C-alpha atoms as a PDB file:
ATOM      1  CA  MET A   1       0.000   0.000   0.000  1.00  0.00           C
ATOM      2  CA  ASP A   2       1.212   3.487  -0.865  1.00  0.00           C
ATOM      3  CA  LEU A   3       0.722   5.367   2.399  1.00  0.00           C
ATOM      4  CA  GLY A   4       0.426   8.699   0.632  1.00  0.00           C
ATOM      5  CA  ILE A   5       3.031  10.545   2.699  1.00  0.00           C
ATOM      6  CA  ALA A   6       5.942  10.786   0.263  1.00  0.00           C
ATOM      7  CA  GLY A   7       7.350  14.296   0.394  1.00  0.00           C
ATOM      8  CA  ARG A   8       6.105  14.926   3.922  1.00  0.00           C
ATOM      9  CA  SER A   9       8.404  15.849   6.790  1.00  0.00           C
ATOM     10  CA  ALA A  10       8.683  14.123  10.162  1.00  0.00           C
ATOM     11  CA  LEU A  11      10.280  14.835  13.506  1.00  0.00           C
ATOM     12  CA  VAL A  12      11.067  11.532  15.232  1.00  0.00           C
ATOM     13  CA  CYS A  13      12.317  11.790  18.800  1.00  0.00           C
ATOM     14  CA  ALA A  14      14.816   9.514  20.539  1.00  0.00           C
ATOM     15  CA  SER A  15      15.374   7.702  17.266  1.00  0.00           C
ATOM     16  CA  SER A  16      19.016   6.601  17.262  1.00  0.00           C
ATOM     17  CA  LYS A  17      18.016   3.057  18.269  1.00  0.00           C
ATOM     18  CA  GLY A  18      15.167   0.812  19.306  1.00  0.00           C
ATOM     19  CA  LEU A  19      11.567   1.613  18.506  1.00  0.00           C
ATOM     20  CA  GLY A  20      12.241   5.242  17.671  1.00  0.00           C
ATOM     21  CA  LEU A  21      14.770   4.186  15.042  1.00  0.00           C
ATOM     22  CA  ALA A  22      12.303   1.671  13.628  1.00  0.00           C
ATOM     23  CA  CYS A  23       9.729   4.431  13.195  1.00  0.00           C
ATOM     24  CA  ALA A  24      12.268   6.671  11.452  1.00  0.00           C
ATOM     25  CA  VAL A  25      13.238   3.848   9.091  1.00  0.00           C
ATOM     26  CA  ALA A  26       9.632   3.033   8.205  1.00  0.00           C
ATOM     27  CA  LEU A  27       8.781   6.668   7.493  1.00  0.00           C
ATOM     28  CA  ALA A  28      11.919   7.172   5.401  1.00  0.00           C
ATOM     29  CA  ARG A  29      10.989   4.150   3.292  1.00  0.00           C
ATOM     30  CA  GLU A  30       7.728   5.918   2.479  1.00  0.00           C
ATOM     31  CA  GLY A  31       9.613   8.921   1.130  1.00  0.00           C
ATOM     32  CA  VAL A  32       9.315  11.100   4.218  1.00  0.00           C
ATOM     33  CA  ALA A  33      12.114  13.558   5.033  1.00  0.00           C
ATOM     34  CA  VAL A  34      13.054  12.649   8.597  1.00  0.00           C
ATOM     35  CA  THR A  35      14.599  14.740  11.352  1.00  0.00           C
ATOM     36  CA  MET A  36      15.992  12.476  14.052  1.00  0.00           C
ATOM     37  CA  THR A  37      16.893  13.383  17.617  1.00  0.00           C
ATOM     38  CA  ALA A  38      18.885  11.606  20.325  1.00  0.00           C
ATOM     39  CA  ARG A  39      21.250  12.476  23.138  1.00  0.00           C
ATOM     40  CA  GLY A  40      24.213  10.489  21.776  1.00  0.00           C
ATOM     41  CA  LYS A  41      25.663  12.135  18.680  1.00  0.00           C
ATOM     42  CA  ASP A  42      27.718   9.170  17.466  1.00  0.00           C
ATOM     43  CA  ALA A  43      24.865   6.671  17.629  1.00  0.00           C
ATOM     44  CA  LEU A  44      22.528   9.202  16.034  1.00  0.00           C
ATOM     45  CA  GLU A  45      24.846   9.853  13.098  1.00  0.00           C
ATOM     46  CA  ALA A  46      25.351   6.120  12.574  1.00  0.00           C
ATOM     47  CA  ALA A  47      21.591   5.550  12.532  1.00  0.00           C
ATOM     48  CA  ALA A  48      21.087   8.399  10.071  1.00  0.00           C
ATOM     49  CA  ARG A  49      23.704   6.962   7.711  1.00  0.00           C
ATOM     50  CA  GLN A  50      21.970   3.605   7.932  1.00  0.00           C
ATOM     51  CA  ILE A  51      18.659   5.151   6.907  1.00  0.00           C
ATOM     52  CA  ARG A  52      20.136   7.230   4.094  1.00  0.00           C
ATOM     53  CA  ASP A  53      21.944   4.214   2.668  1.00  0.00           C
ATOM     54  CA  ALA A  54      18.864   1.993   2.898  1.00  0.00           C
ATOM     55  CA  THR A  55      16.223   4.421   1.635  1.00  0.00           C
ATOM     56  CA  GLY A  56      17.833   7.406  -0.036  1.00  0.00           C
ATOM     57  CA  ALA A  57      15.654   9.647   2.104  1.00  0.00           C
ATOM     58  CA  ALA A  58      16.704  13.049   3.362  1.00  0.00           C
ATOM     59  CA  VAL A  59      17.713  12.710   7.021  1.00  0.00           C
ATOM     60  CA  THR A  60      18.626  15.521   9.405  1.00  0.00           C
ATOM     61  CA  THR A  61      20.103  14.856  12.839  1.00  0.00           C
ATOM     62  CA  VAL A  62      19.821  16.889  16.024  1.00  0.00           C
ATOM     63  CA  ALA A  63      21.858  15.785  19.015  1.00  0.00           C
ATOM     64  CA  GLY A  64      20.268  16.860  22.274  1.00  0.00           C
ATOM     65  CA  ASP A  65      17.997  15.848  25.113  1.00  0.00           C
ATOM     66  CA  ILE A  66      14.415  16.173  23.895  1.00  0.00           C
ATOM     67  CA  THR A  67      13.165  16.236  27.494  1.00  0.00           C
ATOM     68  CA  THR A  68      14.789  19.646  28.054  1.00  0.00           C
ATOM     69  CA  PRO A  69      13.656  23.021  26.700  1.00  0.00           C
ATOM     70  CA  GLN A  70      17.026  23.410  24.986  1.00  0.00           C
ATOM     71  CA  GLY A  71      16.756  20.020  23.297  1.00  0.00           C
ATOM     72  CA  ARG A  72      13.247  20.739  22.065  1.00  0.00           C
ATOM     73  CA  ALA A  73      14.295  24.147  20.760  1.00  0.00           C
ATOM     74  CA  LEU A  74      17.115  22.576  18.737  1.00  0.00           C
ATOM     75  CA  ALA A  75      14.808  19.918  17.291  1.00  0.00           C
ATOM     76  CA  LEU A  76      12.103  22.408  16.348  1.00  0.00           C
ATOM     77  CA  ALA A  77      14.652  24.760  14.808  1.00  0.00           C
ATOM     78  CA  ALA A  78      15.748  21.936  12.518  1.00  0.00           C
ATOM     79  CA  CYS A  79      12.165  20.868  11.736  1.00  0.00           C
ATOM     80  CA  PRO A  80       9.860  23.793  12.576  1.00  0.00           C
ATOM     81  CA  ASN A  81       6.842  22.668  10.558  1.00  0.00           C
ATOM     82  CA  PRO A  82       6.650  18.871  10.623  1.00  0.00           C
ATOM     83  CA  ASP A  83       3.740  17.087   9.002  1.00  0.00           C
ATOM     84  CA  ILE A  84       4.426  14.120  11.263  1.00  0.00           C
ATOM     85  CA  LEU A  85       5.539  14.100  14.893  1.00  0.00           C
ATOM     86  CA  VAL A  86       6.623  10.945  16.697  1.00  0.00           C
ATOM     87  CA  THR A  87       7.262  11.599  20.366  1.00  0.00           C
ATOM     88  CA  ASN A  88       9.450   9.248  22.336  1.00  0.00           C
ATOM     89  CA  ALA A  89      11.625   9.312  25.436  1.00  0.00           C
ATOM     90  CA  GLY A  90      13.270   6.690  27.584  1.00  0.00           C
ATOM     91  CA  GLY A  91      11.141   5.305  30.377  1.00  0.00           C
ATOM     92  CA  PRO A  92      11.840   6.167  34.010  1.00  0.00           C
ATOM     93  CA  LYS A  93      13.527   3.758  36.368  1.00  0.00           C
ATOM     94  CA  PRO A  94      11.635   0.799  37.848  1.00  0.00           C
ATOM     95  CA  GLY A  95      11.390   0.122  41.546  1.00  0.00           C
ATOM     96  CA  ASP A  96       9.339   0.458  44.719  1.00  0.00           C
ATOM     97  CA  PHE A  97       7.300   3.655  44.950  1.00  0.00           C
ATOM     98  CA  ARG A  98       8.317   3.990  48.612  1.00  0.00           C
ATOM     99  CA  GLU A  99      11.834   4.751  47.460  1.00  0.00           C
ATOM    100  CA  TRP A 100      10.951   7.469  44.935  1.00  0.00           C
ATOM    101  CA  SER A 101      11.359  11.108  45.797  1.00  0.00           C
ATOM    102  CA  ARG A 102       9.394  14.065  44.527  1.00  0.00           C
ATOM    103  CA  ASP A 103      12.278  14.745  42.142  1.00  0.00           C
ATOM    104  CA  ASP A 104      11.885  11.231  40.687  1.00  0.00           C
ATOM    105  CA  TRP A 105       8.209  11.888  39.998  1.00  0.00           C
ATOM    106  CA  ILE A 106       8.854  15.308  38.487  1.00  0.00           C
ATOM    107  CA  ALA A 107      11.512  13.857  36.183  1.00  0.00           C
ATOM    108  CA  ALA A 108       9.158  11.089  35.024  1.00  0.00           C
ATOM    109  CA  VAL A 109       6.270  13.453  34.373  1.00  0.00           C
ATOM    110  CA  ASP A 110       8.567  15.925  32.628  1.00  0.00           C
ATOM    111  CA  ALA A 111      10.007  13.305  30.259  1.00  0.00           C
ATOM    112  CA  ASN A 112       6.998  11.103  29.574  1.00  0.00           C
ATOM    113  CA  MET A 113       4.069  13.512  29.819  1.00  0.00           C
ATOM    114  CA  LEU A 114       5.089  17.155  29.573  1.00  0.00           C
ATOM    115  CA  THR A 115       7.707  16.739  26.826  1.00  0.00           C
ATOM    116  CA  PRO A 116       5.215  15.217  24.342  1.00  0.00           C
ATOM    117  CA  ILE A 117       2.663  17.887  25.286  1.00  0.00           C
ATOM    118  CA  GLU A 118       5.187  20.673  24.682  1.00  0.00           C
ATOM    119  CA  LEU A 119       6.080  19.220  21.272  1.00  0.00           C
ATOM    120  CA  ILE A 120       2.417  18.871  20.359  1.00  0.00           C
ATOM    121  CA  LYS A 121       1.773  22.460  21.447  1.00  0.00           C
ATOM    122  CA  ALA A 122       4.610  23.669  19.242  1.00  0.00           C
ATOM    123  CA  THR A 123       3.435  21.844  16.100  1.00  0.00           C
ATOM    124  CA  VAL A 124      -0.295  21.065  16.123  1.00  0.00           C
ATOM    125  CA  ASP A 125      -1.590  24.501  15.122  1.00  0.00           C
ATOM    126  CA  GLY A 126       0.651  24.577  12.069  1.00  0.00           C
ATOM    127  CA  MET A 127      -0.541  21.115  11.106  1.00  0.00           C
ATOM    128  CA  MET A 128      -4.164  22.215  11.350  1.00  0.00           C
ATOM    129  CA  ALA A 129      -3.489  25.336   9.309  1.00  0.00           C
ATOM    130  CA  ARG A 130      -1.930  23.203   6.541  1.00  0.00           C
ATOM    131  CA  GLY A 131      -4.713  20.610   6.674  1.00  0.00           C
ATOM    132  CA  PHE A 132      -2.550  17.579   7.450  1.00  0.00           C
ATOM    133  CA  GLY A 133      -0.896  16.251  10.561  1.00  0.00           C
ATOM    134  CA  ARG A 134      -0.109  12.942  12.194  1.00  0.00           C
ATOM    135  CA  ILE A 135       1.077  12.762  15.805  1.00  0.00           C
ATOM    136  CA  VAL A 136       2.086   9.431  17.313  1.00  0.00           C
ATOM    137  CA  ASN A 137       3.214   9.115  20.914  1.00  0.00           C
ATOM    138  CA  ILE A 138       5.266   6.053  21.824  1.00  0.00           C
ATOM    139  CA  THR A 139       4.072   5.201  25.310  1.00  0.00           C
ATOM    140  CA  SER A 140       3.882   1.726  26.894  1.00  0.00           C
ATOM    141  CA  GLY A 141       1.699  -1.328  27.213  1.00  0.00           C
ATOM    142  CA  ALA A 142       1.817  -0.561  30.944  1.00  0.00           C
ATOM    143  CA  VAL A 143      -0.744   2.190  30.284  1.00  0.00           C
ATOM    144  CA  LYS A 144      -3.228  -0.573  29.467  1.00  0.00           C
ATOM    145  CA  ALA A 145      -2.004  -3.149  31.987  1.00  0.00           C
ATOM    146  CA  PRO A 146       0.026  -1.392  34.698  1.00  0.00           C
ATOM    147  CA  ILE A 147       3.170  -3.122  35.980  1.00  0.00           C
ATOM    148  CA  ASP A 148       3.776  -2.639  39.684  1.00  0.00           C
ATOM    149  CA  ILE A 149       7.499  -1.878  39.482  1.00  0.00           C
ATOM    150  CA  LEU A 150       6.911   0.666  36.693  1.00  0.00           C
ATOM    151  CA  GLY A 151       4.840   3.063  38.767  1.00  0.00           C
ATOM    152  CA  LEU A 152       6.660   6.154  37.521  1.00  0.00           C
ATOM    153  CA  SER A 153       5.947   5.162  33.933  1.00  0.00           C
ATOM    154  CA  ASN A 154       2.376   4.077  34.690  1.00  0.00           C
ATOM    155  CA  GLY A 155       1.561   7.442  36.195  1.00  0.00           C
ATOM    156  CA  ALA A 156       3.312   9.766  33.763  1.00  0.00           C
ATOM    157  CA  ARG A 157       2.253   7.967  30.594  1.00  0.00           C
ATOM    158  CA  SER A 158      -1.331   7.592  31.768  1.00  0.00           C
ATOM    159  CA  GLY A 159      -1.422  11.343  32.248  1.00  0.00           C
ATOM    160  CA  LEU A 160      -0.360  11.809  28.621  1.00  0.00           C
ATOM    161  CA  THR A 161      -2.989   9.313  27.511  1.00  0.00           C
ATOM    162  CA  GLY A 162      -5.745  11.284  29.217  1.00  0.00           C
ATOM    163  CA  PHE A 163      -4.532  14.546  27.718  1.00  0.00           C
ATOM    164  CA  VAL A 164      -4.417  13.106  24.210  1.00  0.00           C
ATOM    165  CA  ALA A 165      -7.917  11.659  24.554  1.00  0.00           C
ATOM    166  CA  GLY A 166      -9.312  15.160  24.936  1.00  0.00           C
ATOM    167  CA  LEU A 167      -7.173  16.997  22.405  1.00  0.00           C
ATOM    168  CA  ALA A 168      -7.432  14.429  19.599  1.00  0.00           C
ATOM    169  CA  ARG A 169     -11.151  15.089  19.157  1.00  0.00           C
ATOM    170  CA  SER A 170     -10.588  18.789  18.563  1.00  0.00           C
ATOM    171  CA  THR A 171      -8.004  18.442  15.787  1.00  0.00           C
ATOM    172  CA  VAL A 172      -9.286  15.629  13.586  1.00  0.00           C
ATOM    173  CA  ALA A 173     -11.712  17.829  11.637  1.00  0.00           C
ATOM    174  CA  ARG A 174      -8.632  19.586  10.261  1.00  0.00           C
ATOM    175  CA  ASN A 175      -7.087  16.232   9.254  1.00  0.00           C
ATOM    176  CA  VAL A 176      -4.729  16.146  12.232  1.00  0.00           C
ATOM    177  CA  THR A 177      -4.802  12.891  14.169  1.00  0.00           C
ATOM    178  CA  ILE A 178      -3.177  12.105  17.516  1.00  0.00           C
ATOM    179  CA  ASN A 179      -2.709   8.507  18.589  1.00  0.00           C
ATOM    180  CA  ASN A 180      -0.589   6.475  20.984  1.00  0.00           C
ATOM    181  CA  LEU A 181       1.416   3.336  20.259  1.00  0.00           C
ATOM    182  CA  LEU A 182       1.712   1.055  23.290  1.00  0.00           C
ATOM    183  CA  PRO A 183       4.586  -1.418  22.980  1.00  0.00           C
ATOM    184  CA  GLY A 184       4.737  -4.605  24.981  1.00  0.00           C
ATOM    185  CA  PRO A 185       7.904  -6.715  24.862  1.00  0.00           C
ATOM    186  CA  PHE A 186      10.009  -5.865  21.819  1.00  0.00           C
ATOM    187  CA  GLU A 187      13.532  -6.950  20.943  1.00  0.00           C
ATOM    188  CA  THR A 188      15.329  -3.802  22.005  1.00  0.00           C
ATOM    189  CA  GLU A 189      18.396  -2.995  24.074  1.00  0.00           C
ATOM    190  CA  ARG A 190      16.136  -1.894  26.924  1.00  0.00           C
ATOM    191  CA  LEU A 191      14.425  -5.294  27.054  1.00  0.00           C
ATOM    192  CA  PHE A 192      17.729  -7.127  27.194  1.00  0.00           C
ATOM    193  CA  ALA A 193      19.127  -4.714  29.773  1.00  0.00           C
ATOM    194  CA  THR A 194      16.045  -5.216  31.940  1.00  0.00           C
ATOM    195  CA  ALA A 195      16.510  -8.978  31.777  1.00  0.00           C
ATOM    196  CA  ALA A 196      20.173  -8.627  32.715  1.00  0.00           C
ATOM    197  CA  ALA A 197      19.247  -6.459  35.683  1.00  0.00           C
ATOM    198  CA  ALA A 198      16.619  -8.967  36.780  1.00  0.00           C
ATOM    199  CA  ALA A 199      19.166 -11.756  36.574  1.00  0.00           C
ATOM    200  CA  ALA A 200      21.653  -9.776  38.658  1.00  0.00           C
ATOM    201  CA  ALA A 201      18.988  -9.019  41.264  1.00  0.00           C
ATOM    202  CA  ASN A 202      18.112 -12.707  41.324  1.00  0.00           C
ATOM    203  CA  GLY A 203      21.517 -13.560  42.694  1.00  0.00           C
ATOM    204  CA  GLY A 204      22.357 -15.973  39.919  1.00  0.00           C
ATOM    205  CA  GLY A 205      19.205 -18.064  40.286  1.00  0.00           C
ATOM    206  CA  LYS A 206      18.294 -17.469  36.651  1.00  0.00           C
ATOM    207  CA  SER A 207      20.376 -16.124  33.810  1.00  0.00           C
ATOM    208  CA  ALA A 208      19.203 -13.297  31.582  1.00  0.00           C
ATOM    209  CA  GLU A 209      18.731 -15.843  28.783  1.00  0.00           C
ATOM    210  CA  GLN A 210      16.506 -17.992  30.979  1.00  0.00           C
ATOM    211  CA  ILE A 211      14.448 -14.983  31.994  1.00  0.00           C
ATOM    212  CA  LEU A 212      13.988 -13.964  28.367  1.00  0.00           C
ATOM    213  CA  ALA A 213      13.069 -17.509  27.338  1.00  0.00           C
ATOM    214  CA  ALA A 214      10.406 -17.653  30.037  1.00  0.00           C
ATOM    215  CA  ARG A 215       8.973 -14.319  28.938  1.00  0.00           C
ATOM    216  CA  ARG A 216       8.821 -15.447  25.317  1.00  0.00           C
ATOM    217  CA  ALA A 217       7.081 -18.669  26.283  1.00  0.00           C
ATOM    218  CA  ALA A 218       4.556 -16.798  28.434  1.00  0.00           C
ATOM    219  CA  ASN A 219       3.503 -14.507  25.588  1.00  0.00           C
ATOM    220  CA  PRO A 220       0.615 -15.834  23.454  1.00  0.00           C
ATOM    221  CA  ALA A 221       2.666 -15.088  20.346  1.00  0.00           C
ATOM    222  CA  GLY A 222       5.515 -17.207  21.704  1.00  0.00           C
ATOM    223  CA  ARG A 223       8.011 -14.468  20.904  1.00  0.00           C
ATOM    224  CA  PHE A 224       8.880 -10.818  21.293  1.00  0.00           C
ATOM    225  CA  GLY A 225       7.898  -8.201  18.772  1.00  0.00           C
ATOM    226  CA  THR A 226      10.402  -6.904  16.247  1.00  0.00           C
ATOM    227  CA  PRO A 227      11.167  -3.194  15.946  1.00  0.00           C
ATOM    228  CA  ALA A 228      10.315  -3.363  12.232  1.00  0.00           C
ATOM    229  CA  GLU A 229       6.755  -4.433  13.093  1.00  0.00           C
ATOM    230  CA  PHE A 230       6.448  -1.474  15.409  1.00  0.00           C
ATOM    231  CA  GLY A 231       7.849   0.945  12.852  1.00  0.00           C
ATOM    232  CA  ASP A 232       5.416  -0.236  10.197  1.00  0.00           C
ATOM    233  CA  ALA A 233       2.488   0.279  12.572  1.00  0.00           C
ATOM    234  CA  CYS A 234       3.714   3.794  13.254  1.00  0.00           C
ATOM    235  CA  ALA A 235       4.022   4.528   9.529  1.00  0.00           C
ATOM    236  CA  TRP A 236       0.450   3.385   8.947  1.00  0.00           C
ATOM    237  CA  LEU A 237      -0.872   5.644  11.725  1.00  0.00           C
ATOM    238  CA  CYS A 238       0.958   8.468   9.939  1.00  0.00           C
ATOM    239  CA  SER A 239      -0.533   7.577   6.562  1.00  0.00           C
ATOM    240  CA  ALA A 240      -3.089   9.464   4.486  1.00  0.00           C
ATOM    241  CA  GLN A 241      -5.401   6.472   4.935  1.00  0.00           C
ATOM    242  CA  ALA A 242      -5.428   6.802   8.736  1.00  0.00           C
ATOM    243  CA  GLY A 243      -7.216  10.139   8.829  1.00  0.00           C
ATOM    244  CA  PHE A 244     -10.295   8.626  10.520  1.00  0.00           C
ATOM    245  CA  VAL A 245      -8.280   7.155  13.407  1.00  0.00           C
ATOM    246  CA  THR A 246      -7.639   9.493  16.321  1.00  0.00           C
ATOM    247  CA  GLY A 247      -7.429   9.407  20.090  1.00  0.00           C
ATOM    248  CA  GLN A 248      -6.663   5.699  20.025  1.00  0.00           C
ATOM    249  CA  ASN A 249      -4.219   3.524  21.965  1.00  0.00           C
ATOM    250  CA  LEU A 250      -2.832   0.791  19.734  1.00  0.00           C
ATOM    251  CA  LEU A 251      -1.506  -1.963  21.973  1.00  0.00           C
ATOM    252  CA  MET A 252       1.215  -4.122  20.423  1.00  0.00           C
ATOM    253  CA  ASP A 253       2.010  -6.901  22.876  1.00  0.00           C
ATOM    254  CA  GLY A 254       1.517 -10.220  21.069  1.00  0.00           C
ATOM    255  CA  GLY A 255      -1.813 -10.760  22.845  1.00  0.00           C
ATOM    256  CA  ALA A 256      -0.429 -10.544  26.397  1.00  0.00           C
ATOM    257  CA  TYR A 257      -3.200  -8.244  27.598  1.00  0.00           C
ATOM    258  CA  PRO A 258      -6.204 -10.554  28.140  1.00  0.00           C
ATOM    259  CA  GLY A 259      -9.008  -7.985  28.242  1.00  0.00           C
ATOM    260  CA  THR A 260     -11.651  -7.137  25.676  1.00  0.00           C
ATOM    261  CA  PHE A 261     -11.293  -3.375  25.935  1.00  0.00           C
END
């Protein structure tokens, strides 16, 4: 399917690796000019070269922390009028809520709720004026099925979800949609690092490989998702054909969530 977005421009946050990179790749393959952000310059430049070589798309890089005002200013200076915005930021630390300070909560809300809102605020009016816009927020499957040790993420991302639910209904008449992508377990560095940390905390009872094998077996799909699958889903939500889809939370977890709604 031709997604009808060739020639459009996209700002894709935290896209030097993992799911953000997968979204940038999928959009570039559709002929979108992509501006990528990440904190690490070397990894970002390597990812950009990979995309240029694979797709021939125009790729601009902005090294900076998107969760800071300075980082957002740099990104928006490089791509001031995006047709497509993909927000993304690393999740906050796991743990026991009894050990989290006010500063921990503020940092989580700032990165995973307020940063996407600030980026939306900076771009949505221009999208509406031009008559096209696609905003996709990468959140977490924990929004749908909260995980006890991810309380910081549960709270901050759920706040973003509620905000989007209200705003998305006021922009769609101008062909600007806002949706959330909720990843479950995907084959990313973060997943493997989490398994390694769990193994270390387990005192050698189970290796990281054993923990990962058990998680794969427990998923109805019998595997983890691939970043490419996630990127393709993002590209479709950004497509011309997806103009009637807004305010939705697309859960991608291999069927792990057992509910109907």
